[in-house]
Amino acid sequence: MSNWQPTATIDTLRLRAKLLASVRQFFEMRDVLEVDVPVLSDTGVTDLHIDCLQTLVSGEVRYLQSSPEYFMKRLLASGSGPIYYLGRAFRDGENGCRHNPEFTMLEWYQTGWDEHQLMREVAALLSELGISAQPQRLAYGELFKRVTGLNPHTVDLADLQEMASSLSGNDFSNEGRSTCLDLIFSLSVEPCLSDGMVFVYDYPACQAALARLDKDQQGHLIARRFEVFLNRVELANGYYELVDPVEQQSRFDADLALRHAAGKPAAPVDKELLAAMEAGLPACSGVALGIDRLLMQLLGATDIAAVMPFGAVGTSCG
């Protein structure tokens, strides 16, 4: 029998429409410009843990965008000022209770702001959308050490590999620092987060991605990055953005080396992004927030398909 009906109820879709309207109203009141950027591009991303969906256009490989980030930074470098995007993003292998290969992302950038200013705006948005909990802010290093007893900035890789192997039941003896930290944080630290809205900031330098590096008060090299958790579910990821094109090229090269070591195909580097950074990307902070996960939290849903008109095959938890 054909399963032609939507995976969300019509009442849920009405609430979804109100949520999207409220997001747009929030940014309109703050004079942040909505931008509509392509979801199809000549390049994907180099990140080891993100695989872009590909398609053929007139015989040429094109990539469905995992984030509007690169296009948005080209707009920022062109003088757009504060901007936001509310639309589709795509990632291969994203199937499960909280993942769908096609999802709705809210991403925005504030020029002249650091990550702490942006964290306050994220909290203001969530409050406006119905999340009443007082936000809690925790440094990654303090949180990680409190739960695991290890300082993530200084601990030997061998100790991280041993803990990751023990927690997962798999062999992590050949995995890198970032992969081990991700696994330990997910299985050991996240379950210890409190209810409500929690901001974790000052990530280890090896997890900088596209964030600037700096030193914390203890002298540890850290990434000026933050993540937002709502009732222990990751909701958003933000950076005090890297603006140096030379450093950006170096990170692309490092990503490609990791992909090669993992047996993953190389992703073409976005030369247009590098050119925009060379022309002058302004100091800014940006954050990406999963709208579907937010709606799940607002409605108490446990399956992402229940808050989407048509969840993809394979996402159902049942």
Protein backbone atom coordinates (compact mmCIF):
# COMPACT_ATOMS: atom_id res chain seq x y z
CA MET A 1 0.00 0.00 0.00
CA SER A 2 1.35 3.43 -0.95
CA ASN A 3 2.29 5.66 1.95
CA TRP A 4 1.42 8.96 0.27
CA GLN A 5 0.42 10.95 3.33
CA PRO A 6 2.67 13.53 5.04
CA THR A 7 4.76 12.44 8.00
CA ALA A 8 3.63 15.47 10.05
CA THR A 9 0.06 16.30 10.99
CA ILE A 10 -1.58 19.34 9.43
CA ASP A 11 -1.73 20.96 12.88
CA THR A 12 2.03 20.49 13.22
CA LEU A 13 2.58 22.04 9.79
CA ARG A 14 0.55 25.07 10.87
CA LEU A 15 2.82 25.45 13.92
CA ARG A 16 5.85 25.02 11.66
CA ALA A 17 4.63 27.85 9.42
CA LYS A 18 4.14 30.10 12.47
CA LEU A 19 7.68 29.28 13.65
CA LEU A 20 9.18 30.27 10.31
CA ALA A 21 7.15 33.49 10.29
CA SER A 22 8.31 34.31 13.83
CA VAL A 23 11.96 33.78 12.86
CA ARG A 24 11.59 36.18 9.94
CA GLN A 25 9.86 38.75 12.14
CA PHE A 26 12.70 38.53 14.71
CA PHE A 27 15.31 39.39 12.11
CA GLU A 28 13.20 42.02 10.39
CA MET A 29 12.90 43.86 13.70
CA ARG A 30 16.71 43.74 14.02
CA ASP A 31 17.33 44.92 10.46
CA VAL A 32 19.05 41.70 9.40
CA LEU A 33 18.62 41.08 5.67
CA GLU A 34 17.21 37.76 4.46
CA VAL A 35 19.24 36.35 1.56
CA ASP A 36 18.39 33.58 -0.86
CA VAL A 37 21.53 31.77 -2.01
CA PRO A 38 21.97 28.76 -4.30
CA VAL A 39 21.65 25.23 -2.93
CA LEU A 40 23.57 23.89 -5.96
CA SER A 41 27.25 24.72 -6.44
CA ASP A 42 30.47 23.69 -8.18
CA THR A 43 32.00 22.80 -4.80
CA GLY A 44 31.00 21.13 -1.58
CA VAL A 45 32.84 21.26 1.75
CA THR A 46 36.12 19.66 2.79
CA ASP A 47 35.04 18.79 6.36
CA LEU A 48 35.90 15.16 7.18
CA HIS A 49 32.55 14.57 8.89
CA ILE A 50 30.27 16.12 6.25
CA ASP A 51 29.50 14.39 2.96
CA CYS A 52 27.71 16.43 0.32
CA LEU A 53 25.09 15.01 -2.01
CA GLN A 54 26.06 15.19 -5.66
CA THR A 55 24.12 15.39 -8.89
CA LEU A 56 24.89 15.82 -12.58
CA VAL A 57 23.97 19.05 -14.35
CA SER A 58 24.60 18.94 -18.11
CA GLY A 59 27.07 16.16 -17.46
CA GLU A 60 29.02 18.11 -14.80
CA VAL A 61 29.14 17.18 -11.10
CA ARG A 62 27.41 19.68 -8.85
CA TYR A 63 27.01 19.65 -5.06
CA LEU A 64 23.90 20.24 -2.99
CA GLN A 65 24.99 22.60 -0.25
CA SER A 66 25.44 21.34 3.31
CA SER A 67 25.30 24.98 4.46
CA PRO A 68 24.82 28.39 2.82
CA GLU A 69 28.01 29.58 4.55
CA TYR A 70 30.35 30.04 1.59
CA PHE A 71 27.84 32.02 -0.45
CA MET A 72 26.90 34.12 2.57
CA LYS A 73 30.53 35.00 3.26
CA ARG A 74 30.87 36.16 -0.34
CA LEU A 75 27.91 38.47 0.31
CA LEU A 76 29.49 39.72 3.54
CA ALA A 77 32.71 40.49 1.68
CA SER A 78 30.60 42.45 -0.84
CA GLY A 79 29.26 44.73 1.90
CA SER A 80 25.89 43.13 2.66
CA GLY A 81 26.04 43.81 6.40
CA PRO A 82 24.15 41.45 8.78
CA ILE A 83 22.34 38.68 6.87
CA TYR A 84 20.38 35.49 7.46
CA TYR A 85 19.29 32.47 5.40
CA LEU A 86 16.25 30.32 6.14
CA GLY A 87 15.97 27.39 3.77
CA ARG A 88 17.12 23.96 2.70
CA ALA A 89 20.46 22.27 3.31
CA PHE A 90 21.54 18.74 2.41
CA ARG A 91 23.91 16.15 3.89
CA ASP A 92 24.51 12.58 2.83
CA GLY A 93 24.22 9.81 5.41
CA GLU A 94 22.00 11.91 7.69
CA ASN A 95 19.30 9.41 8.64
CA GLY A 96 17.81 8.84 12.06
CA CYS A 97 15.54 10.20 14.75
CA ARG A 98 17.21 13.64 14.66
CA HIS A 99 18.65 13.60 11.14
CA ASN A 100 17.21 13.92 7.64
CA PRO A 101 19.30 14.22 4.45
CA GLU A 102 17.25 17.31 3.50
CA PHE A 103 16.55 19.72 6.34
CA THR A 104 15.77 23.35 7.12
CA MET A 105 18.63 25.50 8.35
CA LEU A 106 18.66 28.97 9.82
CA GLU A 107 22.08 30.59 9.44
CA TRP A 108 22.97 34.17 10.22
CA TYR A 109 25.95 36.50 10.51
CA GLN A 110 26.44 39.67 12.51
CA THR A 111 29.29 41.92 11.36
CA GLY A 112 31.53 43.43 14.04
CA TRP A 113 30.34 40.94 16.67
CA ASP A 114 32.27 38.26 18.55
CA GLU A 115 30.88 34.87 19.50
CA HIS A 116 29.72 36.00 22.96
CA GLN A 117 27.56 38.75 21.48
CA LEU A 118 26.08 36.24 19.06
CA MET A 119 25.36 33.77 21.87
CA ARG A 120 23.24 36.44 23.52
CA GLU A 121 21.29 36.93 20.29
CA VAL A 122 20.75 33.18 19.93
CA ALA A 123 19.32 33.14 23.46
CA ALA A 124 17.08 36.10 22.60
CA LEU A 125 15.78 34.33 19.49
CA LEU A 126 15.04 31.10 21.36
CA SER A 127 13.26 33.06 24.08
CA GLU A 128 11.16 34.82 21.44
CA LEU A 129 10.27 31.44 19.94
CA GLY A 130 9.03 30.00 23.23
CA ILE A 131 12.09 28.59 25.01
CA SER A 132 11.78 30.18 28.43
CA ALA A 133 14.72 28.50 30.21
CA GLN A 134 17.51 30.75 31.48
CA PRO A 135 20.60 30.03 29.36
CA GLN A 136 23.62 28.40 30.99
CA ARG A 137 27.13 29.06 29.62
CA LEU A 138 30.01 26.61 30.15
CA ALA A 139 33.59 26.49 28.86
CA TYR A 140 34.25 23.23 27.00
CA GLY A 141 37.43 22.50 28.95
CA GLU A 142 35.83 22.90 32.37
CA LEU A 143 32.81 20.82 31.37
CA PHE A 144 34.87 18.04 29.79
CA LYS A 145 37.22 17.79 32.77
CA ARG A 146 34.36 17.78 35.28
CA VAL A 147 32.73 14.80 33.57
CA THR A 148 35.75 12.78 32.38
CA GLY A 149 38.58 13.94 34.64
CA LEU A 150 40.67 14.81 31.57
CA ASN A 151 41.77 18.23 30.36
CA PRO A 152 40.84 18.14 26.63
CA HIS A 153 43.42 20.80 25.77
CA THR A 154 46.42 18.97 27.24
CA VAL A 155 45.59 15.27 27.58
CA ASP A 156 47.70 12.84 25.55
CA LEU A 157 46.09 11.47 22.39
CA ALA A 158 46.69 7.90 23.61
CA ASP A 159 44.49 8.57 26.67
CA LEU A 160 41.72 9.96 24.47
CA GLN A 161 41.97 6.95 22.16
CA GLU A 162 41.73 4.59 25.13
CA MET A 163 38.66 6.34 26.55
CA ALA A 164 36.94 6.55 23.15
CA SER A 165 37.57 2.83 22.55
CA SER A 166 36.20 1.94 25.98
CA LEU A 167 33.07 4.06 25.58
CA SER A 168 32.25 2.97 22.05
CA GLY A 169 33.31 -0.67 22.12
CA ASN A 170 35.29 -0.01 18.94
CA ASP A 171 38.99 0.45 18.25
CA PHE A 172 39.90 4.15 18.23
CA SER A 173 43.66 3.58 18.47
CA ASN A 174 44.23 5.02 14.99
CA GLU A 175 41.79 7.93 15.26
CA GLY A 176 42.80 11.57 15.58
CA ARG A 177 42.31 13.93 18.49
CA SER A 178 39.20 15.65 17.13
CA THR A 179 37.40 12.38 16.34
CA CYS A 180 38.10 11.00 19.81
CA LEU A 181 36.93 14.20 21.49
CA ASP A 182 33.73 14.15 19.45
CA LEU A 183 32.97 10.59 20.47
CA ILE A 184 33.71 11.16 24.17
CA PHE A 185 31.73 14.38 24.27
CA SER A 186 28.74 12.75 22.57
CA LEU A 187 28.64 9.60 24.71
CA SER A 188 29.91 10.87 28.04
CA VAL A 189 29.56 14.65 28.34
CA GLU A 190 26.34 15.50 26.51
CA PRO A 191 24.18 13.17 28.68
CA CYS A 192 25.41 15.12 31.74
CA LEU A 193 24.20 18.48 30.46
CA SER A 194 21.32 20.01 32.37
CA ASP A 195 17.82 20.56 31.05
CA GLY A 196 17.11 23.75 29.15
CA MET A 197 19.43 25.94 27.10
CA VAL A 198 23.17 25.31 27.46
CA PHE A 199 25.92 27.17 25.56
CA VAL A 200 29.31 25.43 25.39
CA TYR A 201 32.17 27.63 24.18
CA ASP A 202 35.99 27.72 23.80
CA TYR A 203 36.35 24.39 22.00
CA PRO A 204 39.72 22.62 21.62
CA ALA A 205 41.86 24.08 18.84
CA CYS A 206 41.73 20.83 16.85
CA GLN A 207 37.98 21.40 16.43
CA ALA A 208 38.24 24.95 15.12
CA ALA A 209 36.66 24.21 11.71
CA LEU A 210 36.12 27.78 10.41
CA ALA A 211 36.55 29.57 13.75
CA ARG A 212 39.42 31.80 14.87
CA LEU A 213 42.02 30.50 17.27
CA ASP A 214 42.91 32.27 20.51
CA LYS A 215 44.16 31.54 24.03
CA ASP A 216 41.94 31.20 27.08
CA GLN A 217 42.74 32.55 30.54
CA GLN A 218 44.78 29.43 31.34
CA GLY A 219 46.89 29.91 28.21
CA HIS A 220 45.39 26.98 26.29
CA LEU A 221 44.99 27.38 22.56
CA ILE A 222 41.24 27.27 21.89
CA ALA A 223 38.80 27.67 19.02
CA ARG A 224 36.41 30.60 19.37
CA ARG A 225 33.46 28.37 18.65
CA PHE A 226 30.27 27.56 20.51
CA GLU A 227 27.47 25.04 20.38
CA VAL A 228 23.95 25.35 21.72
CA PHE A 229 22.18 22.42 23.39
CA LEU A 230 18.52 22.29 24.28
CA ASN A 231 17.62 19.52 26.73
CA ARG A 232 20.89 17.77 25.77
CA VAL A 233 20.14 17.92 22.04
CA GLU A 234 22.59 19.85 19.84
CA LEU A 235 20.68 22.69 18.22
CA ALA A 236 23.19 25.19 16.81
CA ASN A 237 26.88 25.68 16.05
CA GLY A 238 28.55 29.08 15.86
CA TYR A 239 31.95 30.70 15.24
CA TYR A 240 33.83 33.91 15.62
CA GLU A 241 34.68 33.57 11.97
CA LEU A 242 38.12 33.05 10.49
CA VAL A 243 38.82 35.88 8.00
CA ASP A 244 42.42 35.05 6.97
CA PRO A 245 42.50 33.47 3.46
CA VAL A 246 45.97 31.98 3.98
CA GLU A 247 44.88 30.21 7.15
CA GLN A 248 41.65 29.16 5.42
CA GLN A 249 43.61 27.53 2.59
CA SER A 250 45.77 25.75 5.17
CA ARG A 251 42.68 24.35 6.88
CA PHE A 252 41.23 23.22 3.56
CA ASP A 253 44.51 21.38 2.87
CA ALA A 254 44.42 19.76 6.33
CA ASP A 255 40.82 18.65 5.77
CA LEU A 256 41.70 17.08 2.44
CA ALA A 257 44.57 15.18 4.04
CA LEU A 258 42.17 13.80 6.66
CA ARG A 259 39.66 12.80 3.98
CA HIS A 260 42.39 11.02 2.04
CA ALA A 261 43.56 9.16 5.17
CA ALA A 262 39.97 8.09 5.84
CA GLY A 263 39.49 6.84 2.28
CA LYS A 264 36.95 9.53 1.46
CA PRO A 265 36.84 11.30 -1.90
CA ALA A 266 38.51 14.70 -2.09
CA ALA A 267 36.14 17.65 -2.19
CA PRO A 268 36.98 20.58 -4.51
CA VAL A 269 38.10 23.66 -2.60
CA ASP A 270 35.90 26.74 -3.00
CA LYS A 271 38.27 29.19 -4.68
CA GLU A 272 35.55 31.86 -4.81
CA LEU A 273 35.34 31.86 -1.02
CA LEU A 274 39.11 32.30 -0.80
CA ALA A 275 38.94 35.17 -3.31
CA ALA A 276 36.20 36.84 -1.24
CA MET A 277 38.31 36.51 1.90
CA GLU A 278 41.29 37.94 0.05
CA ALA A 279 39.14 40.92 -1.00
CA GLY A 280 38.21 41.48 2.63
CA LEU A 281 35.78 39.45 4.74
CA PRO A 282 34.72 41.74 7.62
CA ALA A 283 35.06 40.69 11.22
CA CYS A 284 31.90 38.75 12.00
CA SER A 285 30.32 35.90 13.90
CA GLY A 286 27.95 33.35 12.43
CA VAL A 287 25.74 30.54 13.64
CA ALA A 288 23.71 27.74 12.03
CA LEU A 289 20.59 26.42 13.77
CA GLY A 290 18.48 23.39 12.88
CA ILE A 291 14.86 24.49 12.54
CA ASP A 292 13.49 20.93 12.49
CA ARG A 293 15.27 20.05 15.73
CA LEU A 294 14.01 23.25 17.32
CA LEU A 295 10.44 22.37 16.40
CA MET A 296 10.96 18.88 17.81
CA GLN A 297 11.92 20.46 21.13
CA LEU A 298 8.99 22.86 21.11
CA LEU A 299 6.51 20.03 20.46
CA GLY A 300 8.22 17.27 22.46
CA ALA A 301 8.63 15.15 19.32
CA THR A 302 11.15 12.30 19.27
CA ASP A 303 11.21 11.72 15.49
CA ILE A 304 12.27 14.44 13.06
CA ALA A 305 9.87 13.09 10.43
CA ALA A 306 6.99 14.12 12.71
CA VAL A 307 7.80 17.83 12.25
CA MET A 308 8.50 17.74 8.48
CA PRO A 309 5.89 17.61 5.71
CA PHE A 310 7.55 14.56 4.20
CA GLY A 311 10.41 13.02 6.16
CA ALA A 312 12.81 10.97 4.04
CA VAL A 313 12.65 7.19 3.98
CA GLY A 314 14.89 5.83 6.71
CA THR A 315 14.48 8.68 9.20
CA SER A 316 11.69 7.15 11.22
CA CYS A 317 12.54 5.92 14.72
CA GLY A 318 9.72 3.42 14.69
